[in-house]
C-alpha atoms as a PDB file:
ATOM      1  CA  UNK A   1      -0.126  -0.082  -0.035  1.00  0.00           C
ATOM      2  CA  UNK A   2       1.433   3.490  -1.069  1.00  0.00           C
ATOM      3  CA  UNK A   3       0.931   6.332   1.274  1.00  0.00           C
ATOM      4  CA  UNK A   4       0.532  10.026   0.172  1.00  0.00           C
ATOM      5  CA  UNK A   5       0.343  12.851   2.578  1.00  0.00           C
ATOM      6  CA  UNK A   6      -1.079  16.239   1.695  1.00  0.00           C
ATOM      7  CA  UNK A   7      -0.191  18.939   4.289  1.00  0.00           C
ATOM      8  CA  UNK A   8      -1.372  22.551   4.028  1.00  0.00           C
ATOM      9  CA  UNK A   9       0.981  25.041   5.329  1.00  0.00           C
ATOM     10  CA  UNK A  10       0.631  26.207   9.094  1.00  0.00           C
ATOM     11  CA  UNK A  11      -1.108  29.311   9.805  1.00  0.00           C
ATOM     12  CA  UNK A  12       0.379  32.353   7.897  1.00  0.00           C
ATOM     13  CA  UNK A  13       0.596  35.915   8.933  1.00  0.00           C
ATOM     14  CA  UNK A  14      -2.162  36.913   6.499  1.00  0.00           C
ATOM     15  CA  UNK A  15      -4.393  33.893   7.470  1.00  0.00           C
ATOM     16  CA  UNK A  16      -4.295  35.533  11.022  1.00  0.00           C
ATOM     17  CA  UNK A  17      -5.029  39.055   9.620  1.00  0.00           C
ATOM     18  CA  UNK A  18      -7.876  37.652   7.435  1.00  0.00           C
ATOM     19  CA  UNK A  19      -6.336  38.598   4.037  1.00  0.00           C
ATOM     20  CA  UNK A  20      -6.539  37.242   0.594  1.00  0.00           C
ATOM     21  CA  UNK A  21      -2.955  35.937   0.162  1.00  0.00           C
ATOM     22  CA  UNK A  22      -2.750  33.796  -2.893  1.00  0.00           C
ATOM     23  CA  UNK A  23       0.901  34.160  -4.322  1.00  0.00           C
ATOM     24  CA  UNK A  24       2.138  36.801  -1.932  1.00  0.00           C
ATOM     25  CA  UNK A  25       5.140  35.297  -0.002  1.00  0.00           C
ATOM     26  CA  UNK A  26       4.079  35.671   3.613  1.00  0.00           C
ATOM     27  CA  UNK A  27       5.648  33.797   6.492  1.00  0.00           C
ATOM     28  CA  UNK A  28       4.139  31.551   9.073  1.00  0.00           C
ATOM     29  CA  UNK A  29       3.069  32.851  12.607  1.00  0.00           C
ATOM     30  CA  UNK A  30       4.403  31.329  15.741  1.00  0.00           C
ATOM     31  CA  UNK A  31       1.339  29.204  15.785  1.00  0.00           C
ATOM     32  CA  UNK A  32       1.784  28.129  12.216  1.00  0.00           C
ATOM     33  CA  UNK A  33       5.272  26.980  13.128  1.00  0.00           C
ATOM     34  CA  UNK A  34       3.806  25.010  16.113  1.00  0.00           C
ATOM     35  CA  UNK A  35       1.200  23.443  13.537  1.00  0.00           C
ATOM     36  CA  UNK A  36       3.868  22.413  11.328  1.00  0.00           C
ATOM     37  CA  UNK A  37       5.859  20.952  13.966  1.00  0.00           C
ATOM     38  CA  UNK A  38       2.879  19.025  15.377  1.00  0.00           C
ATOM     39  CA  UNK A  39       2.112  17.620  11.825  1.00  0.00           C
ATOM     40  CA  UNK A  40       5.712  16.031  12.074  1.00  0.00           C
ATOM     41  CA  UNK A  41       5.043  14.392  15.447  1.00  0.00           C
ATOM     42  CA  UNK A  42       1.778  13.073  14.113  1.00  0.00           C
ATOM     43  CA  UNK A  43       3.421  11.466  11.020  1.00  0.00           C
ATOM     44  CA  UNK A  44       6.231  10.131  13.190  1.00  0.00           C
ATOM     45  CA  UNK A  45       3.754   8.479  15.278  1.00  0.00           C
ATOM     46  CA  UNK A  46       2.347   6.762  12.112  1.00  0.00           C
ATOM     47  CA  UNK A  47       5.918   5.571  11.083  1.00  0.00           C
ATOM     48  CA  UNK A  48       5.478   7.473   7.939  1.00  0.00           C
ATOM     49  CA  UNK A  49       8.806   7.722   5.920  1.00  0.00           C
ATOM     50  CA  UNK A  50       8.376   9.346   2.619  1.00  0.00           C
ATOM     51  CA  UNK A  51      11.103   8.951  -0.253  1.00  0.00           C
ATOM     52  CA  UNK A  52      10.637  12.326  -1.603  1.00  0.00           C
ATOM     53  CA  UNK A  53       8.589  15.627  -1.121  1.00  0.00           C
ATOM     54  CA  UNK A  54       7.007  18.303  -3.266  1.00  0.00           C
ATOM     55  CA  UNK A  55       6.155  21.758  -2.307  1.00  0.00           C
ATOM     56  CA  UNK A  56       5.284  25.118  -3.852  1.00  0.00           C
ATOM     57  CA  UNK A  57       7.685  28.005  -4.244  1.00  0.00           C
ATOM     58  CA  UNK A  58       6.082  29.896  -1.344  1.00  0.00           C
ATOM     59  CA  UNK A  59       7.926  30.197   1.959  1.00  0.00           C
ATOM     60  CA  UNK A  60       4.809  29.297   4.141  1.00  0.00           C
ATOM     61  CA  UNK A  61       4.663  25.775   2.596  1.00  0.00           C
ATOM     62  CA  UNK A  62       8.384  25.252   2.311  1.00  0.00           C
ATOM     63  CA  UNK A  63       8.929  25.927   5.916  1.00  0.00           C
ATOM     64  CA  UNK A  64       5.946  23.776   6.991  1.00  0.00           C
ATOM     65  CA  UNK A  65       7.481  21.106   4.755  1.00  0.00           C
ATOM     66  CA  UNK A  66      10.928  21.555   6.642  1.00  0.00           C
ATOM     67  CA  UNK A  67       9.347  21.634  10.169  1.00  0.00           C
ATOM     68  CA  UNK A  68       7.492  18.460   9.234  1.00  0.00           C
ATOM     69  CA  UNK A  69      10.448  16.763   7.544  1.00  0.00           C
ATOM     70  CA  UNK A  70      12.340  17.464  11.018  1.00  0.00           C
ATOM     71  CA  UNK A  71       9.922  16.011  12.975  1.00  0.00           C
ATOM     72  CA  UNK A  72      10.360  12.539  11.095  1.00  0.00           C
ATOM     73  CA  UNK A  73      13.933  12.897  10.574  1.00  0.00           C
ATOM     74  CA  UNK A  74      13.759  12.980   6.700  1.00  0.00           C
ATOM     75  CA  UNK A  75      15.301  16.401   5.950  1.00  0.00           C
ATOM     76  CA  UNK A  76      17.665  14.643   3.603  1.00  0.00           C
ATOM     77  CA  UNK A  77      15.237  13.295   1.068  1.00  0.00           C
ATOM     78  CA  UNK A  78      14.739  14.960  -2.337  1.00  0.00           C
ATOM     79  CA  UNK A  79      12.357  18.002  -2.361  1.00  0.00           C
ATOM     80  CA  UNK A  80      10.877  19.358  -5.685  1.00  0.00           C
ATOM     81  CA  UNK A  81       9.466  22.811  -5.625  1.00  0.00           C
ATOM     82  CA  UNK A  82       7.188  23.950  -8.349  1.00  0.00           C
ATOM     83  CA  UNK A  83       4.963  27.044  -8.841  1.00  0.00           C
ATOM     84  CA  UNK A  84       2.267  24.714  -9.938  1.00  0.00           C
ATOM     85  CA  UNK A  85       1.517  23.753  -6.481  1.00  0.00           C
ATOM     86  CA  UNK A  86       1.250  27.384  -5.406  1.00  0.00           C
ATOM     87  CA  UNK A  87      -2.082  28.686  -3.776  1.00  0.00           C
ATOM     88  CA  UNK A  88      -4.909  29.868  -5.997  1.00  0.00           C
ATOM     89  CA  UNK A  89      -4.085  33.396  -7.242  1.00  0.00           C
ATOM     90  CA  UNK A  90      -6.607  35.887  -5.874  1.00  0.00           C
ATOM     91  CA  UNK A  91      -6.085  38.546  -8.545  1.00  0.00           C
ATOM     92  CA  UNK A  92      -7.049  42.159  -7.686  1.00  0.00           C
ATOM     93  CA  UNK A  93      -8.406  40.952  -4.122  1.00  0.00           C
ATOM     94  CA  UNK A  94      -4.635  40.132  -3.147  1.00  0.00           C
ATOM     95  CA  UNK A  95      -3.733  41.500   0.188  1.00  0.00           C
ATOM     96  CA  UNK A  96      -7.125  43.006   0.825  1.00  0.00           C
ATOM     97  CA  UNK A  97      -9.196  42.192   4.132  1.00  0.00           C
ATOM     98  CA  UNK A  98     -11.821  39.718   3.681  1.00  0.00           C
ATOM     99  CA  UNK A  99     -14.240  41.545   5.771  1.00  0.00           C
ATOM    100  CA  UNK A 100     -13.420  44.991   4.277  1.00  0.00           C
ATOM    101  CA  UNK A 101     -13.937  43.249   0.623  1.00  0.00           C
ATOM    102  CA  UNK A 102     -17.430  41.878   1.941  1.00  0.00           C
ATOM    103  CA  UNK A 103     -18.473  45.359   3.113  1.00  0.00           C
ATOM    104  CA  UNK A 104     -17.750  46.827  -0.361  1.00  0.00           C
ATOM    105  CA  UNK A 105     -18.903  44.131  -2.467  1.00  0.00           C
ATOM    106  CA  UNK A 106     -21.366  42.414  -0.515  1.00  0.00           C
ATOM    107  CA  UNK A 107     -21.376  38.814   0.923  1.00  0.00           C
ATOM    108  CA  UNK A 108     -23.057  37.326  -2.077  1.00  0.00           C
ATOM    109  CA  UNK A 109     -20.308  38.466  -4.312  1.00  0.00           C
ATOM    110  CA  UNK A 110     -17.437  37.659  -2.027  1.00  0.00           C
ATOM    111  CA  UNK A 111     -18.966  34.206  -1.614  1.00  0.00           C
ATOM    112  CA  UNK A 112     -18.783  33.740  -5.423  1.00  0.00           C
ATOM    113  CA  UNK A 113     -15.357  34.791  -5.718  1.00  0.00           C
ATOM    114  CA  UNK A 114     -14.125  32.634  -2.665  1.00  0.00           C
ATOM    115  CA  UNK A 115     -16.410  29.515  -3.026  1.00  0.00           C
ATOM    116  CA  UNK A 116     -17.628  29.131  -6.496  1.00  0.00           C
ATOM    117  CA  UNK A 117     -15.774  26.509  -8.735  1.00  0.00           C
ATOM    118  CA  UNK A 118     -15.244  28.378 -12.014  1.00  0.00           C
ATOM    119  CA  UNK A 119     -15.687  32.201 -11.330  1.00  0.00           C
ATOM    120  CA  UNK A 120     -12.283  33.825 -10.659  1.00  0.00           C
ATOM    121  CA  UNK A 121     -11.806  37.200  -8.865  1.00  0.00           C
ATOM    122  CA  UNK A 122     -11.199  40.404 -10.926  1.00  0.00           C
ATOM    123  CA  UNK A 123      -7.735  40.227 -12.503  1.00  0.00           C
ATOM    124  CA  UNK A 124      -4.534  41.990 -11.697  1.00  0.00           C
ATOM    125  CA  UNK A 125      -3.561  44.320 -14.677  1.00  0.00           C
ATOM    126  CA  UNK A 126      -0.216  43.467 -16.264  1.00  0.00           C
ATOM    127  CA  UNK A 127       1.287  46.447 -14.821  1.00  0.00           C
ATOM    128  CA  UNK A 128       0.187  45.926 -11.216  1.00  0.00           C
ATOM    129  CA  UNK A 129       3.321  45.577  -8.915  1.00  0.00           C
ATOM    130  CA  UNK A 130       1.527  42.400  -7.368  1.00  0.00           C
ATOM    131  CA  UNK A 131       1.757  40.528 -10.792  1.00  0.00           C
ATOM    132  CA  UNK A 132       3.874  37.528 -10.731  1.00  0.00           C
ATOM    133  CA  UNK A 133       5.606  38.533 -13.642  1.00  0.00           C
ATOM    134  CA  UNK A 134       7.491  41.036 -11.452  1.00  0.00           C
ATOM    135  CA  UNK A 135       8.692  38.163  -9.090  1.00  0.00           C
ATOM    136  CA  UNK A 136      12.098  36.894  -9.803  1.00  0.00           C
ATOM    137  CA  UNK A 137      11.051  33.409  -8.787  1.00  0.00           C
ATOM    138  CA  UNK A 138       9.140  33.442 -12.016  1.00  0.00           C
ATOM    139  CA  UNK A 139      11.429  34.861 -14.160  1.00  0.00           C
ATOM    140  CA  UNK A 140      12.205  31.877 -16.341  1.00  0.00           C
ATOM    141  CA  UNK A 141       8.537  31.409 -17.119  1.00  0.00           C
ATOM    142  CA  UNK A 142       6.569  32.910 -19.987  1.00  0.00           C
ATOM    143  CA  UNK A 143       4.618  35.810 -18.460  1.00  0.00           C
ATOM    144  CA  UNK A 144       1.591  34.540 -20.530  1.00  0.00           C
ATOM    145  CA  UNK A 145       1.593  31.344 -18.454  1.00  0.00           C
ATOM    146  CA  UNK A 146       1.322  33.284 -15.223  1.00  0.00           C
ATOM    147  CA  UNK A 147      -2.208  33.867 -13.630  1.00  0.00           C
ATOM    148  CA  UNK A 148      -3.343  37.498 -12.887  1.00  0.00           C
ATOM    149  CA  UNK A 149      -6.383  35.644 -11.179  1.00  0.00           C
ATOM    150  CA  UNK A 150      -7.727  32.187 -10.624  1.00  0.00           C
ATOM    151  CA  UNK A 151     -10.864  30.230  -9.866  1.00  0.00           C
ATOM    152  CA  UNK A 152     -10.424  26.775  -8.322  1.00  0.00           C
ATOM    153  CA  UNK A 153     -11.141  25.385 -11.752  1.00  0.00           C
ATOM    154  CA  UNK A 154      -8.204  27.428 -13.182  1.00  0.00           C
ATOM    155  CA  UNK A 155      -6.126  26.146 -10.202  1.00  0.00           C
ATOM    156  CA  UNK A 156      -6.827  22.536 -11.012  1.00  0.00           C
ATOM    157  CA  UNK A 157      -5.856  23.181 -14.704  1.00  0.00           C
ATOM    158  CA  UNK A 158      -2.249  23.916 -13.495  1.00  0.00           C
ATOM    159  CA  UNK A 159      -1.991  21.487 -10.825  1.00  0.00           C
ATOM    160  CA  UNK A 160      -3.376  18.291 -12.578  1.00  0.00           C
ATOM    161  CA  UNK A 161      -0.630  18.149 -15.354  1.00  0.00           C
ATOM    162  CA  UNK A 162       2.025  18.614 -12.803  1.00  0.00           C
ATOM    163  CA  UNK A 163       0.477  15.730 -10.657  1.00  0.00           C
ATOM    164  CA  UNK A 164       0.240  13.474 -13.685  1.00  0.00           C
ATOM    165  CA  UNK A 165       3.822  14.064 -14.981  1.00  0.00           C
ATOM    166  CA  UNK A 166       5.785  14.641 -11.693  1.00  0.00           C
ATOM    167  CA  UNK A 167       4.110  13.035  -8.674  1.00  0.00           C
ATOM    168  CA  UNK A 168       1.806  10.346  -9.959  1.00  0.00           C
ATOM    169  CA  UNK A 169       4.752   8.177 -11.537  1.00  0.00           C
ATOM    170  CA  UNK A 170       6.336   8.044  -8.209  1.00  0.00           C
ATOM    171  CA  UNK A 171       3.365   6.955  -6.454  1.00  0.00           C
ATOM    172  CA  UNK A 172       2.682   4.283  -9.141  1.00  0.00           C
ATOM    173  CA  UNK A 173       6.165   2.918  -8.484  1.00  0.00           C
ATOM    174  CA  UNK A 174       5.351   2.519  -4.815  1.00  0.00           C
ATOM    175  CA  UNK A 175       7.027   5.462  -3.161  1.00  0.00           C
ATOM    176  CA  UNK A 176       5.534   7.141  -0.278  1.00  0.00           C
ATOM    177  CA  UNK A 177       5.289  10.957  -0.820  1.00  0.00           C
ATOM    178  CA  UNK A 178       4.533  14.073   1.002  1.00  0.00           C
ATOM    179  CA  UNK A 179       3.133  17.289  -0.700  1.00  0.00           C
ATOM    180  CA  UNK A 180       3.184  20.531   1.414  1.00  0.00           C
ATOM    181  CA  UNK A 181       0.968  23.220  -0.392  1.00  0.00           C
ATOM    182  CA  UNK A 182      -1.915  25.225   0.133  1.00  0.00           C
ATOM    183  CA  UNK A 183      -5.639  25.152   0.608  1.00  0.00           C
ATOM    184  CA  UNK A 184      -6.756  25.351  -2.906  1.00  0.00           C
ATOM    185  CA  UNK A 185      -3.931  23.610  -4.727  1.00  0.00           C
ATOM    186  CA  UNK A 186      -4.448  20.760  -2.285  1.00  0.00           C
ATOM    187  CA  UNK A 187      -8.323  21.104  -2.624  1.00  0.00           C
ATOM    188  CA  UNK A 188      -7.560  20.576  -6.407  1.00  0.00           C
ATOM    189  CA  UNK A 189      -5.634  17.346  -5.752  1.00  0.00           C
ATOM    190  CA  UNK A 190      -8.345  16.021  -3.542  1.00  0.00           C
ATOM    191  CA  UNK A 191     -10.806  16.588  -6.375  1.00  0.00           C
ATOM    192  CA  UNK A 192      -8.717  14.874  -8.751  1.00  0.00           C
ATOM    193  CA  UNK A 193      -7.714  11.835  -6.566  1.00  0.00           C
ATOM    194  CA  UNK A 194     -11.436  11.449  -5.267  1.00  0.00           C
ATOM    195  CA  UNK A 195     -13.198  12.213  -8.468  1.00  0.00           C
ATOM    196  CA  UNK A 196     -15.256  15.031  -6.484  1.00  0.00           C
ATOM    197  CA  UNK A 197     -18.012  16.875  -8.368  1.00  0.00           C
ATOM    198  CA  UNK A 198     -17.435  20.421  -9.130  1.00  0.00           C
ATOM    199  CA  UNK A 199     -20.529  21.491  -7.029  1.00  0.00           C
ATOM    200  CA  UNK A 200     -19.075  19.610  -3.836  1.00  0.00           C
ATOM    201  CA  UNK A 201     -15.219  20.273  -4.044  1.00  0.00           C
ATOM    202  CA  UNK A 202     -15.901  23.974  -2.972  1.00  0.00           C
ATOM    203  CA  UNK A 203     -17.350  22.612   0.374  1.00  0.00           C
ATOM    204  CA  UNK A 204     -14.049  20.671   1.112  1.00  0.00           C
ATOM    205  CA  UNK A 205     -11.830  22.294   3.742  1.00  0.00           C
ATOM    206  CA  UNK A 206      -8.201  21.494   4.255  1.00  0.00           C
ATOM    207  CA  UNK A 207      -7.235  22.617   7.853  1.00  0.00           C
ATOM    208  CA  UNK A 208      -3.851  24.214   8.367  1.00  0.00           C
ATOM    209  CA  UNK A 209      -0.998  22.071   9.444  1.00  0.00           C
ATOM    210  CA  UNK A 210      -3.186  18.957   9.909  1.00  0.00           C
ATOM    211  CA  UNK A 211      -1.690  16.092   7.634  1.00  0.00           C
ATOM    212  CA  UNK A 212      -4.136  14.265   5.539  1.00  0.00           C
ATOM    213  CA  UNK A 213      -2.913  10.754   5.126  1.00  0.00           C
ATOM    214  CA  UNK A 214      -4.336   8.888   2.080  1.00  0.00           C
ATOM    215  CA  UNK A 215      -3.501   5.146   1.260  1.00  0.00           C
ATOM    216  CA  UNK A 216      -3.315   4.293  -2.369  1.00  0.00           C
ATOM    217  CA  UNK A 217      -3.532   1.234  -4.582  1.00  0.00           C
ATOM    218  CA  UNK A 218      -1.912   2.449  -7.645  1.00  0.00           C
ATOM    219  CA  UNK A 219      -3.591   5.992  -7.650  1.00  0.00           C
ATOM    220  CA  UNK A 220      -6.898   4.963  -6.384  1.00  0.00           C
ATOM    221  CA  UNK A 221      -7.505   6.046  -2.817  1.00  0.00           C
ATOM    222  CA  UNK A 222      -8.697   3.182  -0.386  1.00  0.00           C
ATOM    223  CA  UNK A 223      -8.400   4.881   2.916  1.00  0.00           C
ATOM    224  CA  UNK A 224      -7.950   8.597   4.138  1.00  0.00           C
ATOM    225  CA  UNK A 225      -8.005  10.442   7.349  1.00  0.00           C
ATOM    226  CA  UNK A 226      -6.817  13.602   9.123  1.00  0.00           C
ATOM    227  CA  UNK A 227      -4.258  12.855  11.612  1.00  0.00           C
ATOM    228  CA  UNK A 228      -5.101  15.521  14.118  1.00  0.00           C
ATOM    229  CA  UNK A 229      -8.666  14.329  14.667  1.00  0.00           C
ATOM    230  CA  UNK A 230      -9.468  17.190  17.064  1.00  0.00           C
ATOM    231  CA  UNK A 231      -9.200  19.500  13.819  1.00  0.00           C
ATOM    232  CA  UNK A 232     -10.399  16.986  11.193  1.00  0.00           C
ATOM    233  CA  UNK A 233     -12.885  18.171   8.581  1.00  0.00           C
ATOM    234  CA  UNK A 234     -15.268  15.946   6.344  1.00  0.00           C
ATOM    235  CA  UNK A 235     -13.585  14.121   3.396  1.00  0.00           C
ATOM    236  CA  UNK A 236     -15.169  12.836   0.275  1.00  0.00           C
ATOM    237  CA  UNK A 237     -15.574   9.024   0.107  1.00  0.00           C
ATOM    238  CA  UNK A 238     -12.823   7.125  -1.649  1.00  0.00           C
ATOM    239  CA  UNK A 239     -13.969   6.319  -5.267  1.00  0.00           C
END
């Protein structure tokens, strides 16, 4: 049985401040560091020993992975970083306080931007300094490939090929893998693995710093559970 762990980064500074974060490279809070360390403790208790790891290029996911791997004494395993595992890009909402956006645009509109499957927020203009084309970590990429605002559907469209090409072959070869990423990039992976309907995936919550352990036969999930049961959320059934 192959095991895959999906772990969302610990609480970030902008999580705490209730801001739309997306691709902004904010750090973990002290509580987020504690969540990441706790994740490592839980995985150690499970005897989880991955042979490789994947993460985004954002420090909150990278640092969460490092704290987690330290907890299971696997800091030495190969780690592949990819922008395709980044959080959903929140476009023109980036950096804004969610309560203030709700006051300005109304709760119904904000709910659509946050929770609909295929409606992206207003995009960033190309000359906006928040646009990822100005970030050196994406300097080698075609600017046209970089998002200026994404729905969950668009996030899935960049996550799915990366999973198929880089991650799935390692799982099919029988390797245990850990992925440290973000609420929406992990939600996209859950949709892909569990064949979740478009209308249902928006209701799936991935708690910060709580490893989701999935047991696989090939690429088919046969069991799944959050390791911190006190902070567990509902999960889709195995297909």
